[in-house]
Amino acid sequence: MAGLLDKRLWVVSGKGGVGKSTVSAALALRSARAGRRTLVCEVNTQERVSRFLGHPAAGPEVTLLEENLWAVDVRPQEAMREYGLMVLRFETLYKTVFENRLVRYFLRFVPSLQELVLLGKIMYHLQETLPDGRPRFDTIVLDAPATGHAISFLSVPQVLVQTVPPGPMSREAQKMRDLLVNPSVTAAVLVALPEEMPVNEALELHAALKDKVNIRTHAAVLNQAISERFTEADLEALADERELHDLAKAHHDREALTVLAGTKLERNLHVPVFNVPRLFLPAFGREAIEQVMGHLEALVMGER
């Protein structure tokens, strides 16, 4: 299997609470360790990625965290300003238009404008270049919104291409769409837990990305997986030790759910599924991300 390093935009999504930010942080760190200039983008969030890696929150400005690794929290107000300046070119004209109270009031009612400027900032960084013409960032890891919002967020360029009259906005939307649907540029990584609802949402997200957005799923990550520790024979041997037996059986049952979830994902997504085990650490931070990164090595580098 080809690794993610063959792509430049890694879209990480799944049901809320499944560990998207954990996976995003681990993938971004591994990309940076591979010598690639890597930007991890969070979308109007609590900026978990920077904190997971042991750094202060990055904020709305692109901030260097460590060698080859930058972070940014893409927020509506700052993204609107940057988008306006990119389109209008002159700050005086931007202030006249976008900082006019009446105009700002009406902009609130423009469908999908907020999603457009948020996604527009991310896609701008994808196309940003250094003075020598090389991309400023080799990899962009998008810690995308959760399932339902992710689809509406990533669908905005397609919707605008189909509905907005020809002009600057439609041209920007077309460029964004072309990058998103290009399988040599963009790949989705879906994250789930070994539970029924997160797995089902991952399958629904995969179908929606394929049918509505035309983004290809590259792989899935089954987070907090439980590996086999107790066999049926072990459970029988512990039959007279009720407390130990119950603990062993609970672990055995969770391991069975992990196998079931992984099988369901593989059969329906037709992509590799990478297990990240449940970690038992006193605090969740850099050490945890380093461990998760190790389990995702083959996802990034390829060759399982």
Protein backbone atom coordinates (compact mmCIF):
# COMPACT_ATOMS: atom_id res chain seq x y z
CA MET A 1 0.00 0.00 0.00
CA ALA A 2 1.25 3.47 -0.87
CA GLY A 3 1.78 5.69 2.15
CA LEU A 4 0.20 9.03 2.89
CA LEU A 5 3.47 10.74 2.01
CA ASP A 6 2.39 10.38 -1.62
CA LYS A 7 -0.39 12.94 -0.89
CA ARG A 8 -0.21 16.55 0.26
CA LEU A 9 -3.60 17.13 1.95
CA TRP A 10 -4.60 14.60 4.62
CA VAL A 11 -8.23 15.00 5.73
CA VAL A 12 -8.84 13.36 9.12
CA SER A 13 -12.47 12.97 10.21
CA GLY A 14 -14.97 10.73 11.99
CA LYS A 15 -17.60 10.85 14.70
CA GLY A 16 -16.99 13.39 17.45
CA GLY A 17 -15.00 11.95 20.33
CA VAL A 18 -13.25 9.15 18.43
CA GLY A 19 -9.77 10.73 18.62
CA LYS A 20 -9.50 12.74 15.39
CA SER A 21 -7.17 15.29 16.95
CA THR A 22 -5.01 12.54 18.45
CA VAL A 23 -4.61 10.89 15.06
CA SER A 24 -4.04 14.26 13.35
CA ALA A 25 -1.28 15.13 15.83
CA ALA A 26 0.41 11.74 15.39
CA LEU A 27 0.24 11.89 11.58
CA ALA A 28 1.55 15.46 11.50
CA LEU A 29 4.43 14.58 13.80
CA ARG A 30 5.40 11.58 11.65
CA SER A 31 5.28 13.70 8.49
CA ALA A 32 7.57 16.27 10.11
CA ARG A 33 9.93 13.51 11.25
CA ALA A 34 10.13 12.39 7.62
CA GLY A 35 11.63 15.79 6.80
CA ARG A 36 8.48 17.26 5.26
CA ARG A 37 7.41 20.80 6.09
CA THR A 38 4.07 20.04 7.72
CA LEU A 39 1.16 22.28 8.70
CA VAL A 40 -1.61 20.89 10.89
CA CYS A 41 -4.87 22.85 10.55
CA GLU A 42 -7.62 22.79 13.14
CA VAL A 43 -10.96 24.38 12.25
CA ASN A 44 -12.31 26.77 14.89
CA THR A 45 -11.54 24.35 17.73
CA GLN A 46 -10.04 24.18 21.21
CA GLU A 47 -6.60 23.69 19.62
CA ARG A 48 -5.98 20.22 21.02
CA VAL A 49 -3.21 19.29 18.59
CA SER A 50 -0.69 21.86 19.82
CA ARG A 51 -1.39 20.96 23.45
CA PHE A 52 -1.15 17.22 22.76
CA LEU A 53 2.33 17.84 21.36
CA GLY A 54 3.35 19.80 24.45
CA HIS A 55 3.18 23.28 22.94
CA PRO A 56 1.03 26.37 23.70
CA ALA A 57 -2.05 26.88 21.54
CA ALA A 58 -1.06 28.15 18.11
CA GLY A 59 -3.95 30.56 17.53
CA PRO A 60 -5.06 31.94 14.15
CA GLU A 61 -1.53 32.65 12.91
CA VAL A 62 0.64 29.92 11.40
CA THR A 63 3.01 29.08 14.27
CA LEU A 64 6.17 26.98 14.26
CA LEU A 65 5.90 24.27 16.93
CA GLU A 66 9.13 22.42 16.27
CA GLU A 67 11.38 21.42 13.38
CA ASN A 68 9.29 21.01 10.17
CA LEU A 69 6.02 21.31 12.08
CA TRP A 70 3.63 24.28 12.13
CA ALA A 71 0.06 24.64 13.41
CA VAL A 72 -2.84 27.02 12.89
CA ASP A 73 -6.39 27.28 14.21
CA VAL A 74 -8.49 28.46 11.27
CA ARG A 75 -11.14 30.83 12.67
CA PRO A 76 -13.96 32.58 10.79
CA GLN A 77 -13.11 36.22 11.55
CA GLU A 78 -9.39 35.98 10.74
CA ALA A 79 -10.05 33.73 7.72
CA MET A 80 -12.60 36.23 6.42
CA ARG A 81 -10.03 39.01 6.59
CA GLU A 82 -7.34 36.96 4.84
CA TYR A 83 -9.78 35.81 2.16
CA GLY A 84 -11.01 39.35 1.61
CA LEU A 85 -7.47 40.65 1.22
CA MET A 86 -6.60 37.85 -1.19
CA VAL A 87 -9.63 38.61 -3.36
CA LEU A 88 -9.73 42.41 -3.07
CA ARG A 89 -5.93 42.79 -2.90
CA PHE A 90 -5.97 46.16 -1.11
CA GLU A 91 -6.43 46.52 2.64
CA THR A 92 -8.21 49.90 2.29
CA LEU A 93 -10.78 48.34 -0.03
CA TYR A 94 -11.14 45.36 2.32
CA LYS A 95 -11.88 47.65 5.27
CA THR A 96 -14.38 49.64 3.19
CA VAL A 97 -16.27 46.48 2.24
CA PHE A 98 -15.84 43.81 4.91
CA GLU A 99 -15.55 46.03 7.99
CA ASN A 100 -18.65 48.05 7.12
CA ARG A 101 -21.27 47.21 9.76
CA LEU A 102 -24.09 47.02 7.26
CA VAL A 103 -22.11 44.80 4.88
CA ARG A 104 -21.07 42.50 7.74
CA TYR A 105 -24.70 42.16 8.76
CA PHE A 106 -25.72 41.01 5.28
CA LEU A 107 -22.67 38.72 4.93
CA ARG A 108 -24.08 36.64 7.79
CA PHE A 109 -26.87 35.55 5.45
CA VAL A 110 -24.67 34.54 2.49
CA PRO A 111 -25.02 30.70 2.34
CA SER A 112 -21.81 28.80 3.13
CA LEU A 113 -19.65 31.94 3.20
CA GLN A 114 -18.08 31.02 6.54
CA GLU A 115 -17.21 27.50 5.37
CA LEU A 116 -15.86 28.93 2.12
CA VAL A 117 -13.41 31.31 3.80
CA LEU A 118 -12.30 28.67 6.33
CA LEU A 119 -11.64 26.13 3.60
CA GLY A 120 -10.20 28.87 1.39
CA LYS A 121 -7.49 29.66 3.96
CA ILE A 122 -6.52 25.98 4.21
CA MET A 123 -6.39 25.60 0.43
CA TYR A 124 -4.38 28.82 0.20
CA HIS A 125 -1.69 27.27 2.42
CA LEU A 126 -1.80 24.14 0.25
CA GLN A 127 -0.88 26.28 -2.77
CA GLU A 128 1.47 28.67 -0.94
CA THR A 129 5.04 28.71 -2.28
CA LEU A 130 8.50 29.71 -1.09
CA PRO A 131 10.59 32.29 -3.02
CA ASP A 132 12.28 29.45 -4.94
CA GLY A 133 8.92 28.12 -6.14
CA ARG A 134 8.74 25.05 -3.87
CA PRO A 135 5.59 24.52 -1.78
CA ARG A 136 5.82 26.25 1.58
CA PHE A 137 4.28 23.12 3.10
CA ASP A 138 4.86 19.62 1.78
CA THR A 139 2.03 18.19 3.90
CA ILE A 140 -1.12 19.73 5.31
CA VAL A 141 -2.99 17.69 7.93
CA LEU A 142 -6.58 18.88 8.27
CA ASP A 143 -8.16 17.98 11.60
CA ALA A 144 -11.57 18.22 9.95
CA PRO A 145 -14.94 18.73 11.66
CA ALA A 146 -16.91 15.67 12.77
CA THR A 147 -18.91 13.58 10.29
CA GLY A 148 -21.99 15.67 9.43
CA HIS A 149 -20.24 19.03 9.51
CA ALA A 150 -17.28 17.60 7.59
CA ILE A 151 -19.49 16.76 4.63
CA SER A 152 -21.13 20.20 4.48
CA PHE A 153 -17.72 21.85 5.02
CA LEU A 154 -15.97 19.93 2.23
CA SER A 155 -18.99 20.15 -0.10
CA VAL A 156 -19.00 23.96 -0.21
CA PRO A 157 -16.80 24.34 -3.32
CA GLN A 158 -18.94 21.90 -5.30
CA VAL A 159 -22.16 23.64 -4.21
CA LEU A 160 -20.81 27.06 -5.15
CA VAL A 161 -19.53 25.88 -8.53
CA GLN A 162 -23.05 24.67 -9.30
CA THR A 163 -24.95 27.69 -7.96
CA VAL A 164 -22.84 30.88 -8.04
CA PRO A 165 -22.67 32.93 -11.28
CA PRO A 166 -19.26 33.18 -12.97
CA GLY A 167 -16.93 35.51 -11.09
CA PRO A 168 -14.17 35.60 -8.44
CA MET A 169 -16.08 33.44 -5.94
CA SER A 170 -16.94 30.74 -8.46
CA ARG A 171 -13.34 30.68 -9.72
CA GLU A 172 -12.01 30.29 -6.18
CA ALA A 173 -14.53 27.53 -5.51
CA GLN A 174 -13.50 25.70 -8.69
CA LYS A 175 -9.82 25.79 -7.71
CA MET A 176 -10.64 24.44 -4.25
CA ARG A 177 -12.82 21.69 -5.69
CA ASP A 178 -10.14 20.64 -8.18
CA LEU A 179 -7.61 20.20 -5.37
CA LEU A 180 -10.02 18.35 -3.09
CA VAL A 181 -11.08 15.80 -5.70
CA ASN A 182 -7.56 15.20 -7.05
CA PRO A 183 -6.56 11.75 -5.66
CA SER A 184 -2.87 12.53 -6.15
CA VAL A 185 -3.24 15.51 -3.78
CA THR A 186 -5.98 14.69 -1.24
CA ALA A 187 -6.66 11.60 0.88
CA ALA A 188 -9.15 11.01 3.69
CA VAL A 189 -8.31 9.11 6.87
CA LEU A 190 -11.41 8.03 8.78
CA VAL A 191 -11.22 7.46 12.54
CA ALA A 192 -13.54 5.19 14.55
CA LEU A 193 -13.77 3.41 17.88
CA PRO A 194 -14.58 -0.31 18.27
CA GLU A 195 -18.23 0.54 18.89
CA GLU A 196 -21.30 0.32 16.67
CA MET A 197 -22.11 4.04 16.26
CA PRO A 198 -18.60 5.30 15.45
CA VAL A 199 -18.10 2.47 12.94
CA ASN A 200 -21.44 3.16 11.26
CA GLU A 201 -20.67 6.89 11.08
CA ALA A 202 -17.30 6.11 9.49
CA LEU A 203 -19.08 4.05 6.83
CA GLU A 204 -21.61 6.85 6.24
CA LEU A 205 -18.80 9.40 6.03
CA HIS A 206 -16.95 7.26 3.49
CA ALA A 207 -20.07 7.00 1.31
CA ALA A 208 -20.79 10.74 1.54
CA LEU A 209 -17.19 11.69 0.75
CA LYS A 210 -17.31 9.45 -2.29
CA ASP A 211 -20.76 10.44 -3.59
CA LYS A 212 -21.05 14.10 -2.58
CA VAL A 213 -17.48 15.37 -2.49
CA ASN A 214 -15.54 12.84 -4.58
CA ILE A 215 -12.76 12.50 -2.00
CA ARG A 216 -11.15 9.09 -1.79
CA THR A 217 -10.75 7.28 1.53
CA HIS A 218 -7.13 6.23 1.88
CA ALA A 219 -7.34 4.29 5.16
CA ALA A 220 -9.19 3.97 8.45
CA VAL A 221 -7.87 4.11 12.00
CA LEU A 222 -9.56 2.03 14.69
CA ASN A 223 -8.68 3.92 17.85
CA GLN A 224 -8.61 2.46 21.37
CA ALA A 225 -8.47 -1.08 19.99
CA ILE A 226 -8.23 -3.95 22.47
CA SER A 227 -5.85 -6.78 21.59
CA GLU A 228 -6.32 -10.41 22.57
CA ARG A 229 -5.04 -11.30 26.02
CA PHE A 230 -7.32 -14.03 27.35
CA THR A 231 -8.41 -17.13 25.43
CA GLU A 232 -11.51 -19.24 26.12
CA ALA A 233 -9.22 -21.69 27.90
CA ASP A 234 -7.97 -18.89 30.16
CA LEU A 235 -11.55 -17.99 31.06
CA GLU A 236 -12.32 -21.60 31.94
CA ALA A 237 -9.21 -21.77 34.10
CA LEU A 238 -10.42 -18.71 36.03
CA ALA A 239 -13.92 -20.07 36.58
CA ASP A 240 -13.41 -20.44 40.32
CA GLU A 241 -11.92 -16.95 40.68
CA ARG A 242 -15.07 -14.94 40.07
CA GLU A 243 -13.59 -11.44 40.24
CA LEU A 244 -10.62 -12.29 38.02
CA HIS A 245 -12.89 -14.21 35.67
CA ASP A 246 -15.23 -11.22 35.26
CA LEU A 247 -12.33 -8.86 34.54
CA ALA A 248 -10.83 -11.27 32.02
CA LYS A 249 -14.19 -11.82 30.33
CA ALA A 250 -14.82 -8.07 30.06
CA HIS A 251 -11.46 -7.68 28.32
CA HIS A 252 -12.20 -10.70 26.10
CA ASP A 253 -15.56 -9.21 25.09
CA ARG A 254 -14.01 -5.83 24.23
CA GLU A 255 -11.39 -7.60 22.14
CA ALA A 256 -14.18 -9.37 20.26
CA LEU A 257 -15.81 -5.99 19.55
CA THR A 258 -12.48 -4.72 18.18
CA VAL A 259 -12.24 -7.67 15.79
CA LEU A 260 -15.85 -7.18 14.70
CA ALA A 261 -15.38 -3.44 14.13
CA GLY A 262 -12.16 -3.91 12.18
CA THR A 263 -13.73 -6.58 9.98
CA LYS A 264 -16.77 -4.41 9.28
CA LEU A 265 -14.60 -1.44 8.31
CA GLU A 266 -12.35 -3.48 6.03
CA ARG A 267 -15.23 -5.21 4.25
CA ASN A 268 -17.17 -2.01 3.61
CA LEU A 269 -14.43 0.55 3.04
CA HIS A 270 -12.10 -1.69 1.04
CA VAL A 271 -9.09 0.11 2.49
CA PRO A 272 -6.51 -0.86 5.13
CA VAL A 273 -7.54 -0.46 8.76
CA PHE A 274 -4.86 0.45 11.30
CA ASN A 275 -5.40 -0.37 14.97
CA VAL A 276 -4.25 2.04 17.66
CA PRO A 277 -4.47 0.33 21.06
CA ARG A 278 -6.07 1.88 24.10
CA LEU A 279 -3.32 3.59 26.05
CA PHE A 280 -3.13 3.47 29.83
CA LEU A 281 -1.13 6.53 30.81
CA PRO A 282 -1.41 8.89 33.80
CA ALA A 283 -1.82 11.87 31.45
CA PHE A 284 -2.53 12.22 27.75
CA GLY A 285 0.16 14.27 26.07
CA ARG A 286 3.35 14.03 24.05
CA GLU A 287 4.18 10.49 25.23
CA ALA A 288 0.77 9.26 24.08
CA ILE A 289 1.11 10.95 20.68
CA GLU A 290 4.54 9.37 20.21
CA GLN A 291 3.03 5.94 20.90
CA VAL A 292 0.11 6.52 18.54
CA MET A 293 2.57 7.70 15.89
CA GLY A 294 4.41 4.40 16.14
CA HIS A 295 1.23 2.46 15.42
CA LEU A 296 0.55 4.63 12.35
CA GLU A 297 4.01 4.27 10.87
CA ALA A 298 2.86 2.03 8.01
CA LEU A 299 -0.08 4.33 7.25
CA VAL A 300 2.30 7.24 6.65
CA MET A 301 5.24 5.43 5.08
CA GLY A 302 3.39 2.60 3.29
CA GLU A 303 4.31 -1.09 3.01
CA ARG A 304 2.26 -2.74 5.74
